């Protein structure tokens, strides 16, 4: 079952820590967001394979924007 990771706030994408096709464990850092000079890691809630990444470093995301899909 696919799980979509979403941004929880308006932020800029600081870095992408995984690549498409990579296997990840629950709790792995997928994307690091930056807001108000704080880095906020977005963690995988489930383990699986990264199917797609929708953002790139430097992008600005809004609350609810999809960041990546893990299946």
PDB file of N, CA and C in Angstrom:
ATOM      1  N   UNK A   1       0.841  -1.181   0.000  1.00  0.00           N
ATOM      2  CA  UNK A   1       0.000   0.000   0.000  1.00  0.00           C
ATOM      3  C   UNK A   1       0.889   1.250   0.000  1.00  0.00           C
ATOM      4  N   UNK A   2       0.623   2.171  -0.874  1.00  0.00           N
ATOM      5  CA  UNK A   2       1.428   3.388  -1.000  1.00  0.00           C
ATOM      6  C   UNK A   2       1.084   4.386   0.095  1.00  0.00           C
ATOM      7  N   UNK A   3       2.111   5.090   0.567  1.00  0.00           N
ATOM      8  CA  UNK A   3       1.939   6.123   1.590  1.00  0.00           C
ATOM      9  C   UNK A   3       2.556   7.415   1.064  1.00  0.00           C
ATOM     10  N   UNK A   4       1.762   8.484   1.047  1.00  0.00           N
ATOM     11  CA  UNK A   4       2.244   9.778   0.577  1.00  0.00           C
ATOM     12  C   UNK A   4       2.695  10.620   1.762  1.00  0.00           C
ATOM     13  N   UNK A   5       3.928  11.117   1.692  1.00  0.00           N
ATOM     14  CA  UNK A   5       4.428  12.044   2.708  1.00  0.00           C
ATOM     15  C   UNK A   5       4.068  13.452   2.275  1.00  0.00           C
ATOM     16  N   UNK A   6       3.532  14.250   3.195  1.00  0.00           N
ATOM     17  CA  UNK A   6       3.102  15.603   2.877  1.00  0.00           C
ATOM     18  C   UNK A   6       3.776  16.609   3.796  1.00  0.00           C
ATOM     19  N   UNK A   7       3.896  17.828   3.298  1.00  0.00           N
ATOM     20  CA  UNK A   7       4.448  18.913   4.108  1.00  0.00           C
ATOM     21  C   UNK A   7       3.434  19.292   5.186  1.00  0.00           C
ATOM     22  N   UNK A   8       3.919  19.535   6.382  1.00  0.00           N
ATOM     23  CA  UNK A   8       3.036  19.911   7.482  1.00  0.00           C
ATOM     24  C   UNK A   8       2.960  21.420   7.674  1.00  0.00           C
ATOM     25  N   UNK A   9       3.766  22.165   6.886  1.00  0.00           N
ATOM     26  CA  UNK A   9       3.792  23.620   7.022  1.00  0.00           C
ATOM     27  C   UNK A   9       4.380  24.232   5.760  1.00  0.00           C
ATOM     28  N   UNK A  10       4.259  25.537   5.629  1.00  0.00           N
ATOM     29  CA  UNK A  10       4.935  26.244   4.549  1.00  0.00           C
ATOM     30  C   UNK A  10       6.428  26.241   4.874  1.00  0.00           C
ATOM     31  N   UNK A  11       7.241  25.820   3.919  1.00  0.00           N
ATOM     32  CA  UNK A  11       8.682  25.710   4.150  1.00  0.00           C
ATOM     33  C   UNK A  11       9.392  25.623   2.811  1.00  0.00           C
ATOM     34  N   UNK A  12      10.700  25.747   2.861  1.00  0.00           N
ATOM     35  CA  UNK A  12      11.494  25.477   1.661  1.00  0.00           C
ATOM     36  C   UNK A  12      12.153  24.106   1.842  1.00  0.00           C
ATOM     37  N   UNK A  13      12.384  23.454   0.723  1.00  0.00           N
ATOM     38  CA  UNK A  13      13.026  22.141   0.767  1.00  0.00           C
ATOM     39  C   UNK A  13      14.526  22.370   0.901  1.00  0.00           C
ATOM     40  N   UNK A  14      15.071  21.945   2.031  1.00  0.00           N
ATOM     41  CA  UNK A  14      16.509  22.102   2.293  1.00  0.00           C
ATOM     42  C   UNK A  14      17.298  21.028   1.564  1.00  0.00           C
ATOM     43  N   UNK A  15      16.859  19.769   1.687  1.00  0.00           N
ATOM     44  CA  UNK A  15      17.573  18.670   1.021  1.00  0.00           C
ATOM     45  C   UNK A  15      16.666  17.459   0.865  1.00  0.00           C
ATOM     46  N   UNK A  16      17.013  16.618  -0.096  1.00  0.00           N
ATOM     47  CA  UNK A  16      16.366  15.329  -0.332  1.00  0.00           C
ATOM     48  C   UNK A  16      17.377  14.275   0.118  1.00  0.00           C
ATOM     49  N   UNK A  17      16.980  13.418   1.037  1.00  0.00           N
ATOM     50  CA  UNK A  17      17.915  12.464   1.634  1.00  0.00           C
ATOM     51  C   UNK A  17      17.853  11.067   1.033  1.00  0.00           C
ATOM     52  N   UNK A  18      16.943  10.838   0.097  1.00  0.00           N
ATOM     53  CA  UNK A  18      16.786   9.512  -0.525  1.00  0.00           C
ATOM     54  C   UNK A  18      16.673   9.692  -2.032  1.00  0.00           C
ATOM     55  N   UNK A  19      16.669   8.581  -2.730  1.00  0.00           N
ATOM     56  CA  UNK A  19      16.464   8.625  -4.180  1.00  0.00           C
ATOM     57  C   UNK A  19      15.359   7.645  -4.557  1.00  0.00           C
ATOM     58  N   UNK A  20      14.779   7.858  -5.710  1.00  0.00           N
ATOM     59  CA  UNK A  20      13.731   6.971  -6.211  1.00  0.00           C
ATOM     60  C   UNK A  20      14.280   5.554  -6.323  1.00  0.00           C
ATOM     61  N   UNK A  21      13.502   4.584  -5.867  1.00  0.00           N
ATOM     62  CA  UNK A  21      13.921   3.185  -5.911  1.00  0.00           C
ATOM     63  C   UNK A  21      14.640   2.716  -4.661  1.00  0.00           C
ATOM     64  N   UNK A  22      14.966   3.634  -3.778  1.00  0.00           N
ATOM     65  CA  UNK A  22      15.692   3.280  -2.549  1.00  0.00           C
ATOM     66  C   UNK A  22      14.746   2.664  -1.522  1.00  0.00           C
ATOM     67  N   UNK A  23      15.209   1.613  -0.852  1.00  0.00           N
ATOM     68  CA  UNK A  23      14.445   1.008   0.244  1.00  0.00           C
ATOM     69  C   UNK A  23      14.727   1.795   1.516  1.00  0.00           C
ATOM     70  N   UNK A  24      13.667   2.110   2.272  1.00  0.00           N
ATOM     71  CA  UNK A  24      13.815   2.862   3.518  1.00  0.00           C
ATOM     72  C   UNK A  24      13.101   2.135   4.654  1.00  0.00           C
ATOM     73  N   UNK A  25      13.591   2.348   5.856  1.00  0.00           N
ATOM     74  CA  UNK A  25      12.977   1.800   7.060  1.00  0.00           C
ATOM     75  C   UNK A  25      12.080   2.857   7.684  1.00  0.00           C
ATOM     76  N   UNK A  26      11.124   2.441   8.529  1.00  0.00           N
ATOM     77  CA  UNK A  26      10.311   3.429   9.245  1.00  0.00           C
ATOM     78  C   UNK A  26      11.228   4.352  10.052  1.00  0.00           C
ATOM     79  N   UNK A  27      10.936   5.634  10.011  1.00  0.00           N
ATOM     80  CA  UNK A  27      11.730   6.604  10.748  1.00  0.00           C
ATOM     81  C   UNK A  27      12.897   7.186   9.966  1.00  0.00           C
ATOM     82  N   UNK A  28      13.135   6.691   8.758  1.00  0.00           N
ATOM     83  CA  UNK A  28      14.218   7.234   7.927  1.00  0.00           C
ATOM     84  C   UNK A  28      13.880   8.654   7.497  1.00  0.00           C
ATOM     85  N   UNK A  29      14.893   9.504   7.441  1.00  0.00           N
ATOM     86  CA  UNK A  29      14.694  10.874   6.968  1.00  0.00           C
ATOM     87  C   UNK A  29      14.573  10.846   5.444  1.00  0.00           C
ATOM     88  N   UNK A  30      13.475  11.369   4.937  1.00  0.00           N
ATOM     89  CA  UNK A  30      13.220  11.380   3.500  1.00  0.00           C
ATOM     90  C   UNK A  30      13.571  12.745   2.905  1.00  0.00           C
ATOM     91  N   UNK A  31      13.052  13.786   3.531  1.00  0.00           N
ATOM     92  CA  UNK A  31      13.254  15.165   3.073  1.00  0.00           C
ATOM     93  C   UNK A  31      13.535  16.017   4.304  1.00  0.00           C
ATOM     94  N   UNK A  32      14.364  17.030   4.145  1.00  0.00           N
ATOM     95  CA  UNK A  32      14.569  18.003   5.216  1.00  0.00           C
ATOM     96  C   UNK A  32      14.008  19.337   4.737  1.00  0.00           C
ATOM     97  N   UNK A  33      13.044  19.877   5.493  1.00  0.00           N
ATOM     98  CA  UNK A  33      12.453  21.167   5.190  1.00  0.00           C
ATOM     99  C   UNK A  33      13.112  22.231   6.051  1.00  0.00           C
ATOM    100  N   UNK A  34      13.034  23.472   5.620  1.00  0.00           N
ATOM    101  CA  UNK A  34      13.570  24.578   6.402  1.00  0.00           C
ATOM    102  C   UNK A  34      12.500  25.660   6.516  1.00  0.00           C
ATOM    103  N   UNK A  35      12.233  26.061   7.750  1.00  0.00           N
ATOM    104  CA  UNK A  35      11.259  27.120   8.011  1.00  0.00           C
ATOM    105  C   UNK A  35      11.746  27.925   9.200  1.00  0.00           C
ATOM    106  N   UNK A  36      11.771  29.234   9.049  1.00  0.00           N
ATOM    107  CA  UNK A  36      12.201  30.129  10.128  1.00  0.00           C
ATOM    108  C   UNK A  36      13.585  29.729  10.651  1.00  0.00           C
ATOM    109  N   UNK A  37      14.487  29.380   9.725  1.00  0.00           N
ATOM    110  CA  UNK A  37      15.870  29.004  10.023  1.00  0.00           C
ATOM    111  C   UNK A  37      16.008  27.728  10.853  1.00  0.00           C
ATOM    112  N   UNK A  38      14.942  26.936  10.885  1.00  0.00           N
ATOM    113  CA  UNK A  38      14.982  25.636  11.564  1.00  0.00           C
ATOM    114  C   UNK A  38      14.868  24.544  10.519  1.00  0.00           C
ATOM    115  N   UNK A  39      15.655  23.476  10.680  1.00  0.00           N
ATOM    116  CA  UNK A  39      15.558  22.324   9.788  1.00  0.00           C
ATOM    117  C   UNK A  39      14.586  21.318  10.390  1.00  0.00           C
ATOM    118  N   UNK A  40      13.623  20.878   9.570  1.00  0.00           N
ATOM    119  CA  UNK A  40      12.591  19.952  10.025  1.00  0.00           C
ATOM    120  C   UNK A  40      12.667  18.680   9.180  1.00  0.00           C
ATOM    121  N   UNK A  41      13.113  17.563   9.759  1.00  0.00           N
ATOM    122  CA  UNK A  41      13.156  16.322   8.981  1.00  0.00           C
ATOM    123  C   UNK A  41      11.757  15.742   8.797  1.00  0.00           C
ATOM    124  N   UNK A  42      11.483  15.255   7.603  1.00  0.00           N
ATOM    125  CA  UNK A  42      10.231  14.546   7.315  1.00  0.00           C
ATOM    126  C   UNK A  42      10.594  13.069   7.276  1.00  0.00           C
ATOM    127  N   UNK A  43       9.995  12.297   8.172  1.00  0.00           N
ATOM    128  CA  UNK A  43      10.362  10.898   8.356  1.00  0.00           C
ATOM    129  C   UNK A  43       9.376   9.956   7.678  1.00  0.00           C
ATOM    130  N   UNK A  44       9.886   8.820   7.241  1.00  0.00           N
ATOM    131  CA  UNK A  44       9.026   7.766   6.693  1.00  0.00           C
ATOM    132  C   UNK A  44       8.218   7.168   7.833  1.00  0.00           C
ATOM    133  N   UNK A  45       6.919   7.120   7.657  1.00  0.00           N
ATOM    134  CA  UNK A  45       6.057   6.512   8.683  1.00  0.00           C
ATOM    135  C   UNK A  45       6.048   5.000   8.563  1.00  0.00           C
ATOM    136  N   UNK A  46       6.305   4.518   7.355  1.00  0.00           N
ATOM    137  CA  UNK A  46       6.357   3.074   7.112  1.00  0.00           C
ATOM    138  C   UNK A  46       7.616   2.770   6.301  1.00  0.00           C
ATOM    139  N   UNK A  47       8.044   1.541   6.347  1.00  0.00           N
ATOM    140  CA  UNK A  47       9.155   1.129   5.511  1.00  0.00           C
ATOM    141  C   UNK A  47       8.665   0.801   4.115  1.00  0.00           C
ATOM    142  N   UNK A  48       9.568   0.767   3.181  1.00  0.00           N
ATOM    143  CA  UNK A  48       9.194   0.415   1.815  1.00  0.00           C
ATOM    144  C   UNK A  48      10.186   0.977   0.826  1.00  0.00           C
ATOM    145  N   UNK A  49       9.727   1.132  -0.396  1.00  0.00           N
ATOM    146  CA  UNK A  49      10.560   1.647  -1.477  1.00  0.00           C
ATOM    147  C   UNK A  49      10.036   3.010  -1.895  1.00  0.00           C
ATOM    148  N   UNK A  50      10.961   3.956  -2.078  1.00  0.00           N
ATOM    149  CA  UNK A  50      10.585   5.295  -2.521  1.00  0.00           C
ATOM    150  C   UNK A  50      10.175   5.194  -3.989  1.00  0.00           C
ATOM    151  N   UNK A  51       8.903   5.437  -4.257  1.00  0.00           N
ATOM    152  CA  UNK A  51       8.355   5.314  -5.609  1.00  0.00           C
ATOM    153  C   UNK A  51       8.555   6.594  -6.408  1.00  0.00           C
ATOM    154  N   UNK A  52       8.341   7.735  -5.756  1.00  0.00           N
ATOM    155  CA  UNK A  52       8.463   9.010  -6.454  1.00  0.00           C
ATOM    156  C   UNK A  52       8.791  10.114  -5.463  1.00  0.00           C
ATOM    157  N   UNK A  53       9.518  11.107  -5.931  1.00  0.00           N
ATOM    158  CA  UNK A  53       9.828  12.299  -5.149  1.00  0.00           C
ATOM    159  C   UNK A  53       9.326  13.485  -5.959  1.00  0.00           C
ATOM    160  N   UNK A  54       8.490  14.317  -5.346  1.00  0.00           N
ATOM    161  CA  UNK A  54       7.822  15.393  -6.070  1.00  0.00           C
ATOM    162  C   UNK A  54       8.483  16.754  -5.917  1.00  0.00           C
ATOM    163  N   UNK A  55       9.521  16.859  -5.105  1.00  0.00           N
ATOM    164  CA  UNK A  55      10.139  18.149  -4.831  1.00  0.00           C
ATOM    165  C   UNK A  55      11.646  18.078  -5.066  1.00  0.00           C
ATOM    166  N   UNK A  56      12.260  19.243  -5.144  1.00  0.00           N
ATOM    167  CA  UNK A  56      13.715  19.346  -5.286  1.00  0.00           C
ATOM    168  C   UNK A  56      14.208  20.375  -4.283  1.00  0.00           C
ATOM    169  N   UNK A  57      15.489  20.314  -3.954  1.00  0.00           N
ATOM    170  CA  UNK A  57      16.080  21.285  -3.039  1.00  0.00           C
ATOM    171  C   UNK A  57      15.829  22.690  -3.569  1.00  0.00           C
ATOM    172  N   UNK A  58      15.398  23.571  -2.671  1.00  0.00           N
ATOM    173  CA  UNK A  58      15.109  24.951  -3.043  1.00  0.00           C
ATOM    174  C   UNK A  58      13.651  25.226  -3.330  1.00  0.00           C
ATOM    175  N   UNK A  59      12.852  24.173  -3.567  1.00  0.00           N
ATOM    176  CA  UNK A  59      11.419  24.365  -3.796  1.00  0.00           C
ATOM    177  C   UNK A  59      10.751  24.902  -2.538  1.00  0.00           C
ATOM    178  N   UNK A  60       9.685  25.651  -2.721  1.00  0.00           N
ATOM    179  CA  UNK A  60       8.861  26.098  -1.597  1.00  0.00           C
ATOM    180  C   UNK A  60       7.586  25.264  -1.616  1.00  0.00           C
ATOM    181  N   UNK A  61       7.247  24.683  -0.466  1.00  0.00           N
ATOM    182  CA  UNK A  61       6.048  23.855  -0.363  1.00  0.00           C
ATOM    183  C   UNK A  61       5.060  24.492   0.605  1.00  0.00           C
ATOM    184  N   UNK A  62       3.811  24.161   0.416  1.00  0.00           N
ATOM    185  CA  UNK A  62       2.750  24.627   1.304  1.00  0.00           C
ATOM    186  C   UNK A  62       2.238  23.455   2.123  1.00  0.00           C
ATOM    187  N   UNK A  63       1.553  23.758   3.178  1.00  0.00           N
ATOM    188  CA  UNK A  63       0.973  22.712   4.014  1.00  0.00           C
ATOM    189  C   UNK A  63       0.111  21.806   3.156  1.00  0.00           C
ATOM    190  N   UNK A  64       0.343  20.505   3.251  1.00  0.00           N
ATOM    191  CA  UNK A  64      -0.435  19.521   2.512  1.00  0.00           C
ATOM    192  C   UNK A  64       0.149  19.116   1.176  1.00  0.00           C
ATOM    193  N   UNK A  65       1.170  19.830   0.680  1.00  0.00           N
ATOM    194  CA  UNK A  65       1.791  19.451  -0.587  1.00  0.00           C
ATOM    195  C   UNK A  65       2.461  18.092  -0.464  1.00  0.00           C
ATOM    196  N   UNK A  66       2.299  17.254  -1.477  1.00  0.00           N
ATOM    197  CA  UNK A  66       2.939  15.934  -1.492  1.00  0.00           C
ATOM    198  C   UNK A  66       4.443  16.100  -1.699  1.00  0.00           C
ATOM    199  N   UNK A  67       5.217  15.361  -0.910  1.00  0.00           N
ATOM    200  CA  UNK A  67       6.674  15.392  -1.011  1.00  0.00           C
ATOM    201  C   UNK A  67       7.215  14.145  -1.699  1.00  0.00           C
ATOM    202  N   UNK A  68       6.695  12.980  -1.300  1.00  0.00           N
ATOM    203  CA  UNK A  68       7.194  11.712  -1.833  1.00  0.00           C
ATOM    204  C   UNK A  68       6.160  10.616  -1.578  1.00  0.00           C
ATOM    205  N   UNK A  69       6.310   9.519  -2.305  1.00  0.00           N
ATOM    206  CA  UNK A  69       5.467   8.328  -2.099  1.00  0.00           C
ATOM    207  C   UNK A  69       6.365   7.156  -1.758  1.00  0.00           C
ATOM    208  N   UNK A  70       5.993   6.425  -0.712  1.00  0.00           N
ATOM    209  CA  UNK A  70       6.685   5.203  -0.306  1.00  0.00           C
ATOM    210  C   UNK A  70       5.694   4.051  -0.410  1.00  0.00           C
ATOM    211  N   UNK A  71       6.126   2.980  -1.061  1.00  0.00           N
ATOM    212  CA  UNK A  71       5.231   1.822  -1.221  1.00  0.00           C
ATOM    213  C   UNK A  71       5.904   0.588  -0.654  1.00  0.00           C
TER     214      UNK A  71
END
